[in-house]
Amino acid sequence: MSATGEASRQGRRRYGYLPHTIRQVPEAGIAYEAFCMTPECGAMSDGCDTVTEAEDWALKHTGRNPTHDLFRHVITSYSRVTREGR
């Protein structure tokens, strides 16, 4: 409240609900990646088309660097949000 006792109108927002749907976009594909978690390594696979390709990259990386044996895997898919009624 202001010094005069009136509520400030600044910053007020009015939100309404609009129904939306979210759907996976199969034609965008899915990307698989592997990241070496050995401190200060920073090596990562390129975006792979299959999980097997990402795993193969990790196996080869460990083959070249035997102490690098922990990996983080990321699977990326794509979605599209659309407002219903459009």
PDB file of N, CA and C in Angstrom:
ATOM      1  N   MET A   1       0.835  -1.183   0.000  1.00  0.00           N
ATOM      2  CA  MET A   1       0.000   0.000   0.000  1.00  0.00           C
ATOM      3  C   MET A   1       0.879   1.245   0.000  1.00  0.00           C
ATOM      4  N   SER A   2       0.340   2.288  -0.593  1.00  0.00           N
ATOM      5  CA  SER A   2       1.071   3.547  -0.642  1.00  0.00           C
ATOM      6  C   SER A   2       0.876   4.297   0.670  1.00  0.00           C
ATOM      7  N   ALA A   3       1.567   5.433   0.787  1.00  0.00           N
ATOM      8  CA  ALA A   3       1.460   6.244   2.007  1.00  0.00           C
ATOM      9  C   ALA A   3       0.037   6.736   2.234  1.00  0.00           C
ATOM     10  N   THR A   4      -0.774   6.833   1.179  1.00  0.00           N
ATOM     11  CA  THR A   4      -2.149   7.319   1.335  1.00  0.00           C
ATOM     12  C   THR A   4      -3.123   6.189   1.619  1.00  0.00           C
ATOM     13  N   GLY A   5      -2.621   4.942   1.693  1.00  0.00           N
ATOM     14  CA  GLY A   5      -3.495   3.824   1.992  1.00  0.00           C
ATOM     15  C   GLY A   5      -4.103   3.172   0.761  1.00  0.00           C
ATOM     16  N   GLU A   6      -3.748   3.634  -0.433  1.00  0.00           N
ATOM     17  CA  GLU A   6      -4.290   3.032  -1.658  1.00  0.00           C
ATOM     18  C   GLU A   6      -3.348   1.943  -2.163  1.00  0.00           C
ATOM     19  N   ALA A   7      -3.927   0.872  -2.605  1.00  0.00           N
ATOM     20  CA  ALA A   7      -3.118  -0.204  -3.180  1.00  0.00           C
ATOM     21  C   ALA A   7      -2.558   0.264  -4.519  1.00  0.00           C
ATOM     22  N   SER A   8      -1.317  -0.024  -4.748  1.00  0.00           N
ATOM     23  CA  SER A   8      -0.682   0.355  -6.009  1.00  0.00           C
ATOM     24  C   SER A   8      -1.222  -0.502  -7.142  1.00  0.00           C
ATOM     25  N   ARG A   9      -1.547   0.107  -8.269  1.00  0.00           N
ATOM     26  CA  ARG A   9      -2.017  -0.633  -9.434  1.00  0.00           C
ATOM     27  C   ARG A   9      -0.845  -1.080 -10.306  1.00  0.00           C
ATOM     28  N   GLN A  10       0.306  -0.528 -10.045  1.00  0.00           N
ATOM     29  CA  GLN A  10       1.473  -0.895 -10.838  1.00  0.00           C
ATOM     30  C   GLN A  10       1.852  -2.351 -10.535  1.00  0.00           C
ATOM     31  N   GLY A  11       2.132  -3.101 -11.575  1.00  0.00           N
ATOM     32  CA  GLY A  11       2.559  -4.475 -11.407  1.00  0.00           C
ATOM     33  C   GLY A  11       1.429  -5.486 -11.386  1.00  0.00           C
ATOM     34  N   ARG A  12       0.187  -5.060 -11.409  1.00  0.00           N
ATOM     35  CA  ARG A  12      -0.917  -6.012 -11.426  1.00  0.00           C
ATOM     36  C   ARG A  12      -1.030  -6.636 -12.805  1.00  0.00           C
ATOM     37  N   ARG A  13      -1.285  -7.898 -12.825  1.00  0.00           N
ATOM     38  CA  ARG A  13      -1.433  -8.614 -14.085  1.00  0.00           C
ATOM     39  C   ARG A  13      -2.709  -9.441 -14.032  1.00  0.00           C
ATOM     40  N   ARG A  14      -3.291  -9.613 -15.178  1.00  0.00           N
ATOM     41  CA  ARG A  14      -4.471 -10.464 -15.279  1.00  0.00           C
ATOM     42  C   ARG A  14      -4.140 -11.590 -16.234  1.00  0.00           C
ATOM     43  N   TYR A  15      -4.293 -12.802 -15.770  1.00  0.00           N
ATOM     44  CA  TYR A  15      -3.988 -13.965 -16.580  1.00  0.00           C
ATOM     45  C   TYR A  15      -5.257 -14.758 -16.827  1.00  0.00           C
ATOM     46  N   GLY A  16      -5.356 -15.285 -18.016  1.00  0.00           N
ATOM     47  CA  GLY A  16      -6.480 -16.138 -18.358  1.00  0.00           C
ATOM     48  C   GLY A  16      -5.956 -17.501 -18.770  1.00  0.00           C
ATOM     49  N   TYR A  17      -6.765 -18.494 -18.645  1.00  0.00           N
ATOM     50  CA  TYR A  17      -6.379 -19.846 -19.015  1.00  0.00           C
ATOM     51  C   TYR A  17      -6.756 -20.092 -20.471  1.00  0.00           C
ATOM     52  N   LEU A  18      -5.796 -20.540 -21.230  1.00  0.00           N
ATOM     53  CA  LEU A  18      -6.024 -20.928 -22.616  1.00  0.00           C
ATOM     54  C   LEU A  18      -5.568 -22.375 -22.758  1.00  0.00           C
ATOM     55  N   PRO A  19      -6.449 -23.267 -23.187  1.00  0.00           N
ATOM     56  CA  PRO A  19      -6.045 -24.680 -23.296  1.00  0.00           C
ATOM     57  C   PRO A  19      -5.025 -24.893 -24.416  1.00  0.00           C
ATOM     58  N   HIS A  20      -4.012 -25.676 -24.099  1.00  0.00           N
ATOM     59  CA  HIS A  20      -2.954 -26.019 -25.044  1.00  0.00           C
ATOM     60  C   HIS A  20      -2.728 -27.521 -25.012  1.00  0.00           C
ATOM     61  N   THR A  21      -2.147 -28.024 -26.073  1.00  0.00           N
ATOM     62  CA  THR A  21      -1.701 -29.416 -26.103  1.00  0.00           C
ATOM     63  C   THR A  21      -0.231 -29.447 -26.477  1.00  0.00           C
ATOM     64  N   ILE A  22       0.442 -30.498 -26.023  1.00  0.00           N
ATOM     65  CA  ILE A  22       1.852 -30.682 -26.376  1.00  0.00           C
ATOM     66  C   ILE A  22       1.989 -32.077 -26.959  1.00  0.00           C
ATOM     67  N   ARG A  23       2.675 -32.144 -28.085  1.00  0.00           N
ATOM     68  CA  ARG A  23       2.861 -33.426 -28.772  1.00  0.00           C
ATOM     69  C   ARG A  23       4.297 -33.537 -29.256  1.00  0.00           C
ATOM     70  N   GLN A  24       4.805 -34.747 -29.182  1.00  0.00           N
ATOM     71  CA  GLN A  24       6.132 -34.998 -29.711  1.00  0.00           C
ATOM     72  C   GLN A  24       6.103 -34.828 -31.223  1.00  0.00           C
ATOM     73  N   VAL A  25       7.199 -34.338 -31.791  1.00  0.00           N
ATOM     74  CA  VAL A  25       7.321 -34.127 -33.233  1.00  0.00           C
ATOM     75  C   VAL A  25       8.258 -35.209 -33.778  1.00  0.00           C
ATOM     76  N   PRO A  26       7.700 -36.344 -34.219  1.00  0.00           N
ATOM     77  CA  PRO A  26       8.542 -37.462 -34.658  1.00  0.00           C
ATOM     78  C   PRO A  26       9.472 -37.108 -35.817  1.00  0.00           C
ATOM     79  N   GLU A  27       9.013 -36.260 -36.717  1.00  0.00           N
ATOM     80  CA  GLU A  27       9.854 -35.923 -37.879  1.00  0.00           C
ATOM     81  C   GLU A  27      11.095 -35.122 -37.497  1.00  0.00           C
ATOM     82  N   ALA A  28      11.111 -34.553 -36.285  1.00  0.00           N
ATOM     83  CA  ALA A  28      12.293 -33.820 -35.820  1.00  0.00           C
ATOM     84  C   ALA A  28      13.372 -34.767 -35.318  1.00  0.00           C
ATOM     85  N   GLY A  29      12.995 -36.013 -35.076  1.00  0.00           N
ATOM     86  CA  GLY A  29      13.966 -37.015 -34.642  1.00  0.00           C
ATOM     87  C   GLY A  29      14.262 -36.947 -33.157  1.00  0.00           C
ATOM     88  N   ILE A  30      15.166 -37.812 -32.753  1.00  0.00           N
ATOM     89  CA  ILE A  30      15.641 -37.870 -31.378  1.00  0.00           C
ATOM     90  C   ILE A  30      17.156 -37.875 -31.452  1.00  0.00           C
ATOM     91  N   ALA A  31      17.803 -37.112 -30.593  1.00  0.00           N
ATOM     92  CA  ALA A  31      19.262 -37.051 -30.567  1.00  0.00           C
ATOM     93  C   ALA A  31      19.765 -37.727 -29.292  1.00  0.00           C
ATOM     94  N   TYR A  32      20.798 -38.537 -29.429  1.00  0.00           N
ATOM     95  CA  TYR A  32      21.427 -39.229 -28.308  1.00  0.00           C
ATOM     96  C   TYR A  32      22.850 -38.698 -28.172  1.00  0.00           C
ATOM     97  N   GLU A  33      23.247 -38.390 -26.952  1.00  0.00           N
ATOM     98  CA  GLU A  33      24.593 -37.866 -26.711  1.00  0.00           C
ATOM     99  C   GLU A  33      25.194 -38.528 -25.481  1.00  0.00           C
ATOM    100  N   ALA A  34      26.524 -38.634 -25.462  1.00  0.00           N
ATOM    101  CA  ALA A  34      27.244 -39.139 -24.303  1.00  0.00           C
ATOM    102  C   ALA A  34      28.307 -38.113 -23.924  1.00  0.00           C
ATOM    103  N   PHE A  35      28.474 -37.899 -22.636  1.00  0.00           N
ATOM    104  CA  PHE A  35      29.441 -36.934 -22.114  1.00  0.00           C
ATOM    105  C   PHE A  35      30.351 -37.635 -21.122  1.00  0.00           C
ATOM    106  N   CYS A  36      31.648 -37.511 -21.300  1.00  0.00           N
ATOM    107  CA  CYS A  36      32.602 -38.084 -20.358  1.00  0.00           C
ATOM    108  C   CYS A  36      32.570 -37.255 -19.079  1.00  0.00           C
ATOM    109  N   MET A  37      32.419 -37.931 -17.941  1.00  0.00           N
ATOM    110  CA  MET A  37      32.315 -37.239 -16.659  1.00  0.00           C
ATOM    111  C   MET A  37      33.634 -37.211 -15.894  1.00  0.00           C
ATOM    112  N   THR A  38      34.713 -37.668 -16.520  1.00  0.00           N
ATOM    113  CA  THR A  38      36.017 -37.578 -15.877  1.00  0.00           C
ATOM    114  C   THR A  38      36.370 -36.107 -15.724  1.00  0.00           C
ATOM    115  N   PRO A  39      36.735 -35.677 -14.501  1.00  0.00           N
ATOM    116  CA  PRO A  39      37.040 -34.256 -14.294  1.00  0.00           C
ATOM    117  C   PRO A  39      38.050 -33.729 -15.314  1.00  0.00           C
ATOM    118  N   GLU A  40      37.763 -32.571 -15.814  1.00  0.00           N
ATOM    119  CA  GLU A  40      38.603 -31.829 -16.763  1.00  0.00           C
ATOM    120  C   GLU A  40      38.765 -32.507 -18.120  1.00  0.00           C
ATOM    121  N   CYS A  41      37.943 -33.508 -18.444  1.00  0.00           N
ATOM    122  CA  CYS A  41      38.022 -34.118 -19.779  1.00  0.00           C
ATOM    123  C   CYS A  41      37.185 -33.299 -20.759  1.00  0.00           C
ATOM    124  N   GLY A  42      35.884 -33.254 -20.525  1.00  0.00           N
ATOM    125  CA  GLY A  42      35.012 -32.461 -21.385  1.00  0.00           C
ATOM    126  C   GLY A  42      34.667 -33.082 -22.719  1.00  0.00           C
ATOM    127  N   ALA A  43      35.101 -34.320 -22.970  1.00  0.00           N
ATOM    128  CA  ALA A  43      34.792 -34.948 -24.259  1.00  0.00           C
ATOM    129  C   ALA A  43      33.308 -35.311 -24.328  1.00  0.00           C
ATOM    130  N   MET A  44      32.753 -35.198 -25.531  1.00  0.00           N
ATOM    131  CA  MET A  44      31.359 -35.571 -25.741  1.00  0.00           C
ATOM    132  C   MET A  44      31.176 -36.062 -27.161  1.00  0.00           C
ATOM    133  N   SER A  45      30.198 -36.928 -27.305  1.00  0.00           N
ATOM    134  CA  SER A  45      29.872 -37.411 -28.639  1.00  0.00           C
ATOM    135  C   SER A  45      29.136 -36.314 -29.388  1.00  0.00           C
ATOM    136  N   ASP A  46      29.101 -36.441 -30.691  1.00  0.00           N
ATOM    137  CA  ASP A  46      28.214 -35.580 -31.472  1.00  0.00           C
ATOM    138  C   ASP A  46      26.801 -36.098 -31.265  1.00  0.00           C
ATOM    139  N   GLY A  47      25.816 -35.357 -31.695  1.00  0.00           N
ATOM    140  CA  GLY A  47      24.451 -35.854 -31.638  1.00  0.00           C
ATOM    141  C   GLY A  47      24.350 -37.109 -32.500  1.00  0.00           C
ATOM    142  N   CYS A  48      23.935 -38.211 -31.891  1.00  0.00           N
ATOM    143  CA  CYS A  48      23.849 -39.491 -32.595  1.00  0.00           C
ATOM    144  C   CYS A  48      22.398 -39.812 -32.900  1.00  0.00           C
ATOM    145  N   ASP A  49      22.182 -40.587 -33.947  1.00  0.00           N
ATOM    146  CA  ASP A  49      20.825 -40.972 -34.333  1.00  0.00           C
ATOM    147  C   ASP A  49      20.273 -42.137 -33.527  1.00  0.00           C
ATOM    148  N   THR A  50      21.168 -42.916 -32.897  1.00  0.00           N
ATOM    149  CA  THR A  50      20.718 -44.053 -32.092  1.00  0.00           C
ATOM    150  C   THR A  50      21.484 -44.085 -30.783  1.00  0.00           C
ATOM    151  N   VAL A  51      20.887 -44.730 -29.790  1.00  0.00           N
ATOM    152  CA  VAL A  51      21.561 -44.877 -28.505  1.00  0.00           C
ATOM    153  C   VAL A  51      22.812 -45.736 -28.672  1.00  0.00           C
ATOM    154  N   THR A  52      22.776 -46.682 -29.581  1.00  0.00           N
ATOM    155  CA  THR A  52      23.936 -47.546 -29.821  1.00  0.00           C
ATOM    156  C   THR A  52      25.139 -46.738 -30.287  1.00  0.00           C
ATOM    157  N   GLU A  53      24.922 -45.744 -31.151  1.00  0.00           N
ATOM    158  CA  GLU A  53      26.024 -44.891 -31.620  1.00  0.00           C
ATOM    159  C   GLU A  53      26.650 -44.133 -30.453  1.00  0.00           C
ATOM    160  N   ALA A  54      25.833 -43.610 -29.552  1.00  0.00           N
ATOM    161  CA  ALA A  54      26.355 -42.879 -28.392  1.00  0.00           C
ATOM    162  C   ALA A  54      27.121 -43.818 -27.466  1.00  0.00           C
ATOM    163  N   GLU A  55      26.595 -45.021 -27.274  1.00  0.00           N
ATOM    164  CA  GLU A  55      27.288 -46.003 -26.435  1.00  0.00           C
ATOM    165  C   GLU A  55      28.601 -46.441 -27.074  1.00  0.00           C
ATOM    166  N   ASP A  56      28.613 -46.618 -28.386  1.00  0.00           N
ATOM    167  CA  ASP A  56      29.847 -46.980 -29.090  1.00  0.00           C
ATOM    168  C   ASP A  56      30.903 -45.894 -28.917  1.00  0.00           C
ATOM    169  N   TRP A  57      30.477 -44.638 -28.988  1.00  0.00           N
ATOM    170  CA  TRP A  57      31.423 -43.541 -28.784  1.00  0.00           C
ATOM    171  C   TRP A  57      32.024 -43.637 -27.381  1.00  0.00           C
ATOM    172  N   ALA A  58      31.189 -43.895 -26.359  1.00  0.00           N
ATOM    173  CA  ALA A  58      31.682 -43.996 -24.980  1.00  0.00           C
ATOM    174  C   ALA A  58      32.670 -45.159 -24.843  1.00  0.00           C
ATOM    175  N   LEU A  59      32.356 -46.295 -25.463  1.00  0.00           N
ATOM    176  CA  LEU A  59      33.262 -47.445 -25.396  1.00  0.00           C
ATOM    177  C   LEU A  59      34.615 -47.127 -26.045  1.00  0.00           C
ATOM    178  N   LYS A  60      34.582 -46.466 -27.201  1.00  0.00           N
ATOM    179  CA  LYS A  60      35.831 -46.093 -27.875  1.00  0.00           C
ATOM    180  C   LYS A  60      36.613 -45.080 -27.051  1.00  0.00           C
ATOM    181  N   HIS A  61      35.905 -44.125 -26.434  1.00  0.00           N
ATOM    182  CA  HIS A  61      36.577 -43.114 -25.608  1.00  0.00           C
ATOM    183  C   HIS A  61      37.289 -43.787 -24.434  1.00  0.00           C
ATOM    184  N   THR A  62      36.623 -44.731 -23.779  1.00  0.00           N
ATOM    185  CA  THR A  62      37.265 -45.449 -22.680  1.00  0.00           C
ATOM    186  C   THR A  62      38.416 -46.311 -23.193  1.00  0.00           C
ATOM    187  N   GLY A  63      38.274 -46.860 -24.387  1.00  0.00           N
ATOM    188  CA  GLY A  63      39.367 -47.631 -24.973  1.00  0.00           C
ATOM    189  C   GLY A  63      40.628 -46.799 -25.156  1.00  0.00           C
ATOM    190  N   ARG A  64      40.447 -45.530 -25.536  1.00  0.00           N
ATOM    191  CA  ARG A  64      41.586 -44.622 -25.723  1.00  0.00           C
ATOM    192  C   ARG A  64      42.052 -44.015 -24.409  1.00  0.00           C
ATOM    193  N   ASN A  65      41.147 -43.964 -23.411  1.00  0.00           N
ATOM    194  CA  ASN A  65      41.422 -43.334 -22.112  1.00  0.00           C
ATOM    195  C   ASN A  65      40.887 -44.257 -21.007  1.00  0.00           C
ATOM    196  N   PRO A  66      41.639 -45.288 -20.625  1.00  0.00           N
ATOM    197  CA  PRO A  66      41.126 -46.323 -19.728  1.00  0.00           C
ATOM    198  C   PRO A  66      40.580 -45.836 -18.385  1.00  0.00           C
ATOM    199  N   THR A  67      41.018 -44.693 -17.902  1.00  0.00           N
ATOM    200  CA  THR A  67      40.491 -44.200 -16.619  1.00  0.00           C
ATOM    201  C   THR A  67      39.198 -43.419 -16.780  1.00  0.00           C
ATOM    202  N   HIS A  68      38.776 -43.184 -18.005  1.00  0.00           N
ATOM    203  CA  HIS A  68      37.532 -42.446 -18.271  1.00  0.00           C
ATOM    204  C   HIS A  68      36.401 -43.464 -18.407  1.00  0.00           C
ATOM    205  N   ASP A  69      35.729 -43.735 -17.285  1.00  0.00           N
ATOM    206  CA  ASP A  69      34.760 -44.828 -17.289  1.00  0.00           C
ATOM    207  C   ASP A  69      33.362 -44.434 -16.816  1.00  0.00           C
ATOM    208  N   LEU A  70      33.119 -43.127 -16.660  1.00  0.00           N
ATOM    209  CA  LEU A  70      31.796 -42.670 -16.242  1.00  0.00           C
ATOM    210  C   LEU A  70      31.271 -41.679 -17.282  1.00  0.00           C
ATOM    211  N   PHE A  71      30.033 -41.923 -17.744  1.00  0.00           N
ATOM    212  CA  PHE A  71      29.442 -41.099 -18.790  1.00  0.00           C
ATOM    213  C   PHE A  71      28.038 -40.673 -18.411  1.00  0.00           C
ATOM    214  N   ARG A  72      27.662 -39.500 -18.866  1.00  0.00           N
ATOM    215  CA  ARG A  72      26.283 -39.008 -18.740  1.00  0.00           C
ATOM    216  C   ARG A  72      25.667 -39.103 -20.129  1.00  0.00           C
ATOM    217  N   HIS A  73      24.465 -39.660 -20.170  1.00  0.00           N
ATOM    218  CA  HIS A  73      23.766 -39.779 -21.452  1.00  0.00           C
ATOM    219  C   HIS A  73      22.574 -38.827 -21.477  1.00  0.00           C
ATOM    220  N   VAL A  74      22.396 -38.164 -22.606  1.00  0.00           N
ATOM    221  CA  VAL A  74      21.277 -37.237 -22.791  1.00  0.00           C
ATOM    222  C   VAL A  74      20.503 -37.676 -24.023  1.00  0.00           C
ATOM    223  N   ILE A  75      19.201 -37.791 -23.845  1.00  0.00           N
ATOM    224  CA  ILE A  75      18.308 -38.121 -24.959  1.00  0.00           C
ATOM    225  C   ILE A  75      17.409 -36.915 -25.166  1.00  0.00           C
ATOM    226  N   THR A  76      17.457 -36.337 -26.348  1.00  0.00           N
ATOM    227  CA  THR A  76      16.699 -35.129 -26.643  1.00  0.00           C
ATOM    228  C   THR A  76      15.613 -35.445 -27.663  1.00  0.00           C
ATOM    229  N   SER A  77      14.389 -35.110 -27.295  1.00  0.00           N
ATOM    230  CA  SER A  77      13.286 -35.218 -28.245  1.00  0.00           C
ATOM    231  C   SER A  77      12.664 -33.830 -28.369  1.00  0.00           C
ATOM    232  N   TYR A  78      11.842 -33.669 -29.373  1.00  0.00           N
ATOM    233  CA  TYR A  78      11.272 -32.352 -29.653  1.00  0.00           C
ATOM    234  C   TYR A  78       9.751 -32.416 -29.575  1.00  0.00           C
ATOM    235  N   SER A  79       9.172 -31.355 -29.048  1.00  0.00           N
ATOM    236  CA  SER A  79       7.723 -31.269 -28.890  1.00  0.00           C
ATOM    237  C   SER A  79       7.219 -29.950 -29.438  1.00  0.00           C
ATOM    238  N   ARG A  80       5.965 -29.941 -29.806  1.00  0.00           N
ATOM    239  CA  ARG A  80       5.331 -28.709 -30.275  1.00  0.00           C
ATOM    240  C   ARG A  80       4.095 -28.454 -29.416  1.00  0.00           C
ATOM    241  N   VAL A  81       3.980 -27.214 -28.937  1.00  0.00           N
ATOM    242  CA  VAL A  81       2.808 -26.783 -28.157  1.00  0.00           C
ATOM    243  C   VAL A  81       1.905 -25.987 -29.075  1.00  0.00           C
ATOM    244  N   THR A  82       0.635 -26.331 -29.099  1.00  0.00           N
ATOM    245  CA  THR A  82      -0.324 -25.583 -29.905  1.00  0.00           C
ATOM    246  C   THR A  82      -1.538 -25.222 -29.043  1.00  0.00           C
ATOM    247  N   ARG A  83      -2.064 -24.058 -29.321  1.00  0.00           N
ATOM    248  CA  ARG A  83      -3.264 -23.641 -28.630  1.00  0.00           C
ATOM    249  C   ARG A  83      -4.443 -24.374 -29.235  1.00  0.00           C
ATOM    250  N   GLU A  84      -5.271 -24.948 -28.411  1.00  0.00           N
ATOM    251  CA  GLU A  84      -6.425 -25.690 -28.908  1.00  0.00           C
ATOM    252  C   GLU A  84      -7.374 -24.771 -29.653  1.00  0.00           C
ATOM    253  N   GLY A  85      -7.981 -25.315 -30.688  1.00  0.00           N
ATOM    254  CA  GLY A  85      -8.907 -24.522 -31.492  1.00  0.00           C
ATOM    255  C   GLY A  85      -8.240 -23.838 -32.661  1.00  0.00           C
ATOM    256  N   ARG A  86      -6.959 -24.056 -32.840  1.00  0.00           N
ATOM    257  CA  ARG A  86      -6.237 -23.456 -33.974  1.00  0.00           C
ATOM    258  C   ARG A  86      -5.856 -24.492 -34.956  1.00  0.00           C
TER     259      ARG A  86
END
